Amino acid sequence: MLHLLDASIEAYLRGEVPLDDRVDVDYDAPDSTWSAGITRPTVNVFAWDIRRNSTETTAGFDIVQRGNDRFHKAASPRIDFRYLITTWTQQSRDEHELLGAILVACLRLPAIPVQYLQGPLAEVDPPPRLQVARFDDTQSSEFWSSMGGQLKAALDIIVSATVDTELLRPAGPPVRSLRLESTSPDQPARRSVRTADFGDDANGSPA
């Protein structure tokens, strides 16, 4: 899942910034050992935090059709993937120009378009949402100290994506009719019966 999201973000940046083949995209932790080996302009996209999105996750079950079979599937959770994006070139001016172009690309659209989504991510609805993270008192200096590097300008983005676990259970045949029976406490022998029949719509599903 995460590798598909990484590849989707790279495809989005290459298409929307755009980034050409002279710019590398890397996902390793941007520590001092990594930065010492850079030989080309590089955009580092580092996933540093993953947690459940409590506001967009829904409960319950969905009905999934596989051929002629119907299944119950638990509603897929929504997960926030937080990425720190940094640019690495020979000149700080070039780094800032590239980082600014990436910022504009991340603000341009609310979600990653389907043409950039890799593999099964292209079939999951809703598509991954892209937003620039809000200030939350996280100290950049503490992050770079943990990476063993110097303080550097960085873009913090959050990608909210649905994780499809594909845990399917047979749903059984659709309901075609309903029968209700009731009795009166005062007259137990008296019973009321009501039935209702459900027709099919044009697609063969219950109306």
C-alpha atoms as a PDB file:
ATOM      1  CA  MET A   1       0.000   0.000   0.000  1.00  0.00           C
ATOM      2  CA  LEU A   2       2.613   2.562   1.060  1.00  0.00           C
ATOM      3  CA  HIS A   3       4.859   1.871  -1.932  1.00  0.00           C
ATOM      4  CA  LEU A   4       1.900   2.483  -4.266  1.00  0.00           C
ATOM      5  CA  LEU A   5       1.174   5.781  -2.539  1.00  0.00           C
ATOM      6  CA  ASP A   6       4.853   6.773  -2.823  1.00  0.00           C
ATOM      7  CA  ALA A   7       4.793   6.029  -6.551  1.00  0.00           C
ATOM      8  CA  SER A   8       1.505   7.920  -6.974  1.00  0.00           C
ATOM      9  CA  ILE A   9       2.905  11.021  -5.265  1.00  0.00           C
ATOM     10  CA  GLU A  10       6.006  10.870  -7.468  1.00  0.00           C
ATOM     11  CA  ALA A  11       3.863  10.544 -10.603  1.00  0.00           C
ATOM     12  CA  TYR A  12       1.778  13.523  -9.456  1.00  0.00           C
ATOM     13  CA  LEU A  13       4.831  15.704  -8.793  1.00  0.00           C
ATOM     14  CA  ARG A  14       6.488  14.744 -12.075  1.00  0.00           C
ATOM     15  CA  GLY A  15       3.321  15.561 -13.984  1.00  0.00           C
ATOM     16  CA  GLU A  16       2.172  18.711 -12.148  1.00  0.00           C
ATOM     17  CA  VAL A  17       5.358  20.550 -11.047  1.00  0.00           C
ATOM     18  CA  PRO A  18       6.643  19.249 -13.482  1.00  0.00           C
ATOM     19  CA  LEU A  19       9.826  17.297 -12.688  1.00  0.00           C
ATOM     20  CA  ASP A  20      11.920  16.022 -15.566  1.00  0.00           C
ATOM     21  CA  ASP A  21      14.398  13.151 -15.677  1.00  0.00           C
ATOM     22  CA  ARG A  22      17.209  15.385 -14.413  1.00  0.00           C
ATOM     23  CA  VAL A  23      15.549  15.443 -10.964  1.00  0.00           C
ATOM     24  CA  ASP A  24      15.607  12.332  -8.785  1.00  0.00           C
ATOM     25  CA  VAL A  25      12.857  11.464  -6.286  1.00  0.00           C
ATOM     26  CA  ASP A  26      13.949   9.574  -3.180  1.00  0.00           C
ATOM     27  CA  TYR A  27      12.098   8.191  -0.137  1.00  0.00           C
ATOM     28  CA  ASP A  28      14.941   7.506   2.318  1.00  0.00           C
ATOM     29  CA  ALA A  29      15.285   9.380   5.602  1.00  0.00           C
ATOM     30  CA  PRO A  30      17.088  12.673   4.787  1.00  0.00           C
ATOM     31  CA  ASP A  31      19.871  12.234   7.337  1.00  0.00           C
ATOM     32  CA  SER A  32      23.484  13.363   6.970  1.00  0.00           C
ATOM     33  CA  THR A  33      24.635  10.000   5.559  1.00  0.00           C
ATOM     34  CA  TRP A  34      21.988  10.113   2.842  1.00  0.00           C
ATOM     35  CA  SER A  35      22.587  13.765   1.908  1.00  0.00           C
ATOM     36  CA  ALA A  36      26.329  13.167   1.580  1.00  0.00           C
ATOM     37  CA  GLY A  37      25.677  10.790  -1.334  1.00  0.00           C
ATOM     38  CA  ILE A  38      23.547  13.160  -3.447  1.00  0.00           C
ATOM     39  CA  THR A  39      25.021  13.861  -6.881  1.00  0.00           C
ATOM     40  CA  ARG A  40      21.924  15.191  -8.744  1.00  0.00           C
ATOM     41  CA  PRO A  41      19.032  17.543  -7.961  1.00  0.00           C
ATOM     42  CA  THR A  42      16.770  15.508  -5.709  1.00  0.00           C
ATOM     43  CA  VAL A  43      13.309  15.758  -4.176  1.00  0.00           C
ATOM     44  CA  ASN A  44      13.107  13.787  -0.957  1.00  0.00           C
ATOM     45  CA  VAL A  45       9.619  12.530  -0.068  1.00  0.00           C
ATOM     46  CA  PHE A  46       9.896  11.054   3.418  1.00  0.00           C
ATOM     47  CA  ALA A  47       6.900   9.382   5.106  1.00  0.00           C
ATOM     48  CA  TRP A  48       7.350  10.160   8.792  1.00  0.00           C
ATOM     49  CA  ASP A  49       3.912   9.673  10.348  1.00  0.00           C
ATOM     50  CA  ILE A  50       0.979   7.315   9.677  1.00  0.00           C
ATOM     51  CA  ARG A  51      -2.261   7.347  11.659  1.00  0.00           C
ATOM     52  CA  ARG A  52      -5.994   6.725  11.326  1.00  0.00           C
ATOM     53  CA  ASN A  53      -8.164   9.586  10.130  1.00  0.00           C
ATOM     54  CA  SER A  54     -11.040   9.715  12.616  1.00  0.00           C
ATOM     55  CA  THR A  55     -13.076  12.373  10.798  1.00  0.00           C
ATOM     56  CA  GLU A  56     -13.336  10.684   7.378  1.00  0.00           C
ATOM     57  CA  THR A  57     -13.507   7.027   8.407  1.00  0.00           C
ATOM     58  CA  THR A  58     -17.015   5.534   8.245  1.00  0.00           C
ATOM     59  CA  ALA A  59     -18.450   2.562  10.106  1.00  0.00           C
ATOM     60  CA  GLY A  60     -20.684  -0.278   8.934  1.00  0.00           C
ATOM     61  CA  PHE A  61     -20.533  -2.514   5.864  1.00  0.00           C
ATOM     62  CA  ASP A  62     -20.545  -2.017   2.117  1.00  0.00           C
ATOM     63  CA  ILE A  63     -22.030  -4.368  -0.486  1.00  0.00           C
ATOM     64  CA  VAL A  64     -19.464  -5.478  -3.090  1.00  0.00           C
ATOM     65  CA  GLN A  65     -20.379  -7.233  -6.347  1.00  0.00           C
ATOM     66  CA  ARG A  66     -17.916  -9.811  -7.735  1.00  0.00           C
ATOM     67  CA  GLY A  67     -19.404 -11.291 -10.887  1.00  0.00           C
ATOM     68  CA  ASN A  68     -22.712 -12.877  -9.851  1.00  0.00           C
ATOM     69  CA  ASP A  69     -21.783 -12.963  -6.160  1.00  0.00           C
ATOM     70  CA  ARG A  70     -22.499 -10.324  -3.537  1.00  0.00           C
ATOM     71  CA  PHE A  71     -20.364  -9.772  -0.455  1.00  0.00           C
ATOM     72  CA  HIS A  72     -20.364  -7.761   2.734  1.00  0.00           C
ATOM     73  CA  LYS A  73     -17.171  -5.796   3.302  1.00  0.00           C
ATOM     74  CA  ALA A  74     -16.345  -3.716   6.347  1.00  0.00           C
ATOM     75  CA  ALA A  75     -16.115  -0.027   5.467  1.00  0.00           C
ATOM     76  CA  SER A  76     -12.509   0.712   4.548  1.00  0.00           C
ATOM     77  CA  PRO A  77     -10.569   2.893   7.006  1.00  0.00           C
ATOM     78  CA  ARG A  78      -9.205   6.276   6.004  1.00  0.00           C
ATOM     79  CA  ILE A  79      -5.525   6.742   6.876  1.00  0.00           C
ATOM     80  CA  ASP A  80      -3.440   9.935   7.036  1.00  0.00           C
ATOM     81  CA  PHE A  81       0.061   9.574   5.604  1.00  0.00           C
ATOM     82  CA  ARG A  82       2.241  12.526   6.513  1.00  0.00           C
ATOM     83  CA  TYR A  83       5.182  13.315   4.251  1.00  0.00           C
ATOM     84  CA  LEU A  84       8.053  15.762   4.644  1.00  0.00           C
ATOM     85  CA  ILE A  85       9.212  17.024   1.252  1.00  0.00           C
ATOM     86  CA  THR A  86      12.645  18.619   0.897  1.00  0.00           C
ATOM     87  CA  THR A  87      14.651  19.701  -2.144  1.00  0.00           C
ATOM     88  CA  TRP A  88      18.389  19.162  -2.563  1.00  0.00           C
ATOM     89  CA  THR A  89      20.542  21.029  -5.090  1.00  0.00           C
ATOM     90  CA  GLN A  90      23.875  22.853  -5.130  1.00  0.00           C
ATOM     91  CA  GLN A  91      22.309  26.268  -4.488  1.00  0.00           C
ATOM     92  CA  SER A  92      19.749  27.290  -1.852  1.00  0.00           C
ATOM     93  CA  ARG A  93      18.051  29.575  -4.378  1.00  0.00           C
ATOM     94  CA  ASP A  94      17.432  26.591  -6.681  1.00  0.00           C
ATOM     95  CA  GLU A  95      16.153  24.523  -3.750  1.00  0.00           C
ATOM     96  CA  HIS A  96      13.651  27.215  -2.797  1.00  0.00           C
ATOM     97  CA  GLU A  97      12.476  27.648  -6.390  1.00  0.00           C
ATOM     98  CA  LEU A  98      11.867  23.903  -6.704  1.00  0.00           C
ATOM     99  CA  LEU A  99      10.192  23.660  -3.286  1.00  0.00           C
ATOM    100  CA  GLY A 100       7.929  26.584  -4.177  1.00  0.00           C
ATOM    101  CA  ALA A 101       6.852  24.863  -7.396  1.00  0.00           C
ATOM    102  CA  ILE A 102       6.029  21.724  -5.409  1.00  0.00           C
ATOM    103  CA  LEU A 103       4.009  23.803  -2.931  1.00  0.00           C
ATOM    104  CA  VAL A 104       1.931  25.274  -5.770  1.00  0.00           C
ATOM    105  CA  ALA A 105       1.339  21.780  -7.191  1.00  0.00           C
ATOM    106  CA  CYS A 106       0.172  20.498  -3.789  1.00  0.00           C
ATOM    107  CA  LEU A 107      -2.232  23.438  -3.411  1.00  0.00           C
ATOM    108  CA  ARG A 108      -3.596  23.231  -6.963  1.00  0.00           C
ATOM    109  CA  LEU A 109      -5.865  20.196  -6.562  1.00  0.00           C
ATOM    110  CA  PRO A 110      -7.688  18.768  -3.516  1.00  0.00           C
ATOM    111  CA  ALA A 111      -7.010  15.150  -4.507  1.00  0.00           C
ATOM    112  CA  ILE A 112      -4.506  13.185  -6.572  1.00  0.00           C
ATOM    113  CA  PRO A 113      -6.074  12.686 -10.041  1.00  0.00           C
ATOM    114  CA  VAL A 114      -6.737   9.094 -11.020  1.00  0.00           C
ATOM    115  CA  GLN A 115      -4.246   9.177 -13.896  1.00  0.00           C
ATOM    116  CA  TYR A 116      -1.425   9.430 -11.364  1.00  0.00           C
ATOM    117  CA  LEU A 117      -2.659   6.698  -9.034  1.00  0.00           C
ATOM    118  CA  GLN A 118      -0.716   3.455  -9.226  1.00  0.00           C
ATOM    119  CA  GLY A 119      -2.140  -0.076  -9.261  1.00  0.00           C
ATOM    120  CA  PRO A 120      -5.216  -0.777  -7.103  1.00  0.00           C
ATOM    121  CA  LEU A 121      -5.200   2.785  -5.734  1.00  0.00           C
ATOM    122  CA  ALA A 122      -6.827   3.902  -8.984  1.00  0.00           C
ATOM    123  CA  GLU A 123      -9.890   1.772  -8.158  1.00  0.00           C
ATOM    124  CA  VAL A 124     -10.426   2.909  -4.559  1.00  0.00           C
ATOM    125  CA  ASP A 125     -13.045   5.568  -3.883  1.00  0.00           C
ATOM    126  CA  PRO A 126     -12.696   8.293  -2.740  1.00  0.00           C
ATOM    127  CA  PRO A 127      -9.232   9.038  -4.194  1.00  0.00           C
ATOM    128  CA  PRO A 128      -6.350  10.134  -1.941  1.00  0.00           C
ATOM    129  CA  ARG A 129      -6.836  13.693  -0.684  1.00  0.00           C
ATOM    130  CA  LEU A 130      -3.804  15.983  -0.663  1.00  0.00           C
ATOM    131  CA  GLN A 131      -3.342  18.934   1.681  1.00  0.00           C
ATOM    132  CA  VAL A 132      -0.581  21.009   3.175  1.00  0.00           C
ATOM    133  CA  ALA A 133      -0.353  20.297   6.901  1.00  0.00           C
ATOM    134  CA  ARG A 134      -1.342  22.961   9.411  1.00  0.00           C
ATOM    135  CA  PHE A 135       1.007  24.246  12.067  1.00  0.00           C
ATOM    136  CA  ASP A 136       0.861  21.892  15.064  1.00  0.00           C
ATOM    137  CA  ASP A 137       3.806  23.004  17.235  1.00  0.00           C
ATOM    138  CA  THR A 138       6.071  20.305  15.784  1.00  0.00           C
ATOM    139  CA  GLN A 139       9.575  21.695  15.979  1.00  0.00           C
ATOM    140  CA  SER A 140      11.516  21.379  12.718  1.00  0.00           C
ATOM    141  CA  SER A 141      14.773  21.732  14.619  1.00  0.00           C
ATOM    142  CA  GLU A 142      13.938  18.631  16.661  1.00  0.00           C
ATOM    143  CA  PHE A 143      13.216  16.656  13.499  1.00  0.00           C
ATOM    144  CA  TRP A 144      16.469  17.622  11.848  1.00  0.00           C
ATOM    145  CA  SER A 145      18.393  16.917  15.037  1.00  0.00           C
ATOM    146  CA  SER A 146      16.963  13.401  15.042  1.00  0.00           C
ATOM    147  CA  MET A 147      18.068  13.050  11.393  1.00  0.00           C
ATOM    148  CA  GLY A 148      21.579  14.195  12.261  1.00  0.00           C
ATOM    149  CA  GLY A 149      21.389  17.008   9.726  1.00  0.00           C
ATOM    150  CA  GLN A 150      21.177  20.790   9.566  1.00  0.00           C
ATOM    151  CA  LEU A 151      17.909  22.733   9.673  1.00  0.00           C
ATOM    152  CA  LYS A 152      16.373  22.882   6.196  1.00  0.00           C
ATOM    153  CA  ALA A 153      13.233  24.316   4.583  1.00  0.00           C
ATOM    154  CA  ALA A 154      10.636  21.581   4.165  1.00  0.00           C
ATOM    155  CA  LEU A 155       7.067  21.144   2.975  1.00  0.00           C
ATOM    156  CA  ASP A 156       4.824  19.095   5.271  1.00  0.00           C
ATOM    157  CA  ILE A 157       1.904  17.458   3.450  1.00  0.00           C
ATOM    158  CA  ILE A 158      -0.821  15.009   4.478  1.00  0.00           C
ATOM    159  CA  VAL A 159      -2.211  12.449   2.056  1.00  0.00           C
ATOM    160  CA  SER A 160      -5.491  10.924   3.285  1.00  0.00           C
ATOM    161  CA  ALA A 161      -6.078   7.594   1.554  1.00  0.00           C
ATOM    162  CA  THR A 162      -8.593   4.781   1.878  1.00  0.00           C
ATOM    163  CA  VAL A 163      -6.973   1.437   2.707  1.00  0.00           C
ATOM    164  CA  ASP A 164      -9.011  -1.368   1.154  1.00  0.00           C
ATOM    165  CA  THR A 165      -8.461  -4.524   3.227  1.00  0.00           C
ATOM    166  CA  GLU A 166     -10.646  -6.673   0.905  1.00  0.00           C
ATOM    167  CA  LEU A 167     -12.066  -8.797   3.716  1.00  0.00           C
ATOM    168  CA  LEU A 168     -15.166 -10.137   1.960  1.00  0.00           C
ATOM    169  CA  ARG A 169     -17.976 -12.246   3.436  1.00  0.00           C
ATOM    170  CA  PRO A 170     -20.854 -13.768   1.422  1.00  0.00           C
ATOM    171  CA  ALA A 171     -23.810 -11.419   1.628  1.00  0.00           C
ATOM    172  CA  GLY A 172     -26.466 -13.989   0.730  1.00  0.00           C
ATOM    173  CA  PRO A 173     -29.344 -13.367  -1.690  1.00  0.00           C
ATOM    174  CA  PRO A 174     -31.028  -9.953  -1.681  1.00  0.00           C
ATOM    175  CA  VAL A 175     -34.299  -9.542   0.231  1.00  0.00           C
ATOM    176  CA  ARG A 176     -37.313 -10.103  -2.068  1.00  0.00           C
ATOM    177  CA  SER A 177     -40.181 -10.045   0.444  1.00  0.00           C
ATOM    178  CA  LEU A 178     -40.927  -9.188   4.066  1.00  0.00           C
ATOM    179  CA  ARG A 179     -43.477 -10.874   6.384  1.00  0.00           C
ATOM    180  CA  LEU A 180     -44.550  -9.330   9.705  1.00  0.00           C
ATOM    181  CA  GLU A 181     -46.701 -11.062  12.317  1.00  0.00           C
ATOM    182  CA  SER A 182     -48.107  -9.497  15.483  1.00  0.00           C
ATOM    183  CA  THR A 183     -50.444 -10.590  18.287  1.00  0.00           C
ATOM    184  CA  SER A 184     -52.439  -8.643  20.844  1.00  0.00           C
ATOM    185  CA  PRO A 185     -51.640  -9.211  24.566  1.00  0.00           C
ATOM    186  CA  ASP A 186     -55.395  -9.061  25.283  1.00  0.00           C
ATOM    187  CA  GLN A 187     -56.307 -11.511  22.535  1.00  0.00           C
ATOM    188  CA  PRO A 188     -53.364 -13.945  22.016  1.00  0.00           C
ATOM    189  CA  ALA A 189     -55.336 -15.972  19.511  1.00  0.00           C
ATOM    190  CA  ARG A 190     -55.776 -12.962  17.306  1.00  0.00           C
ATOM    191  CA  ARG A 191     -52.882 -12.583  14.919  1.00  0.00           C
ATOM    192  CA  SER A 192     -52.188  -9.953  12.317  1.00  0.00           C
ATOM    193  CA  VAL A 193     -50.052 -10.801   9.292  1.00  0.00           C
ATOM    194  CA  ARG A 194     -48.663  -8.376   6.750  1.00  0.00           C
ATOM    195  CA  THR A 195     -46.435  -9.119   3.780  1.00  0.00           C
ATOM    196  CA  ALA A 196     -44.569  -6.906   1.361  1.00  0.00           C
ATOM    197  CA  ASP A 197     -42.937  -7.861  -1.923  1.00  0.00           C
ATOM    198  CA  PHE A 198     -39.993  -5.974  -3.414  1.00  0.00           C
ATOM    199  CA  GLY A 199     -39.650  -5.858  -7.173  1.00  0.00           C
ATOM    200  CA  ASP A 200     -36.377  -5.649  -9.109  1.00  0.00           C
ATOM    201  CA  ASP A 201     -35.095  -2.510 -10.766  1.00  0.00           C
ATOM    202  CA  ALA A 202     -33.612  -2.467 -14.243  1.00  0.00           C
ATOM    203  CA  ASN A 203     -30.263  -3.717 -12.935  1.00  0.00           C
ATOM    204  CA  GLY A 204     -31.719  -6.737 -11.180  1.00  0.00           C
ATOM    205  CA  SER A 205     -31.320  -5.271  -7.682  1.00  0.00           C
ATOM    206  CA  PRO A 206     -34.159  -4.907  -5.157  1.00  0.00           C
ATOM    207  CA  ALA A 207     -36.172  -1.764  -5.718  1.00  0.00           C
END
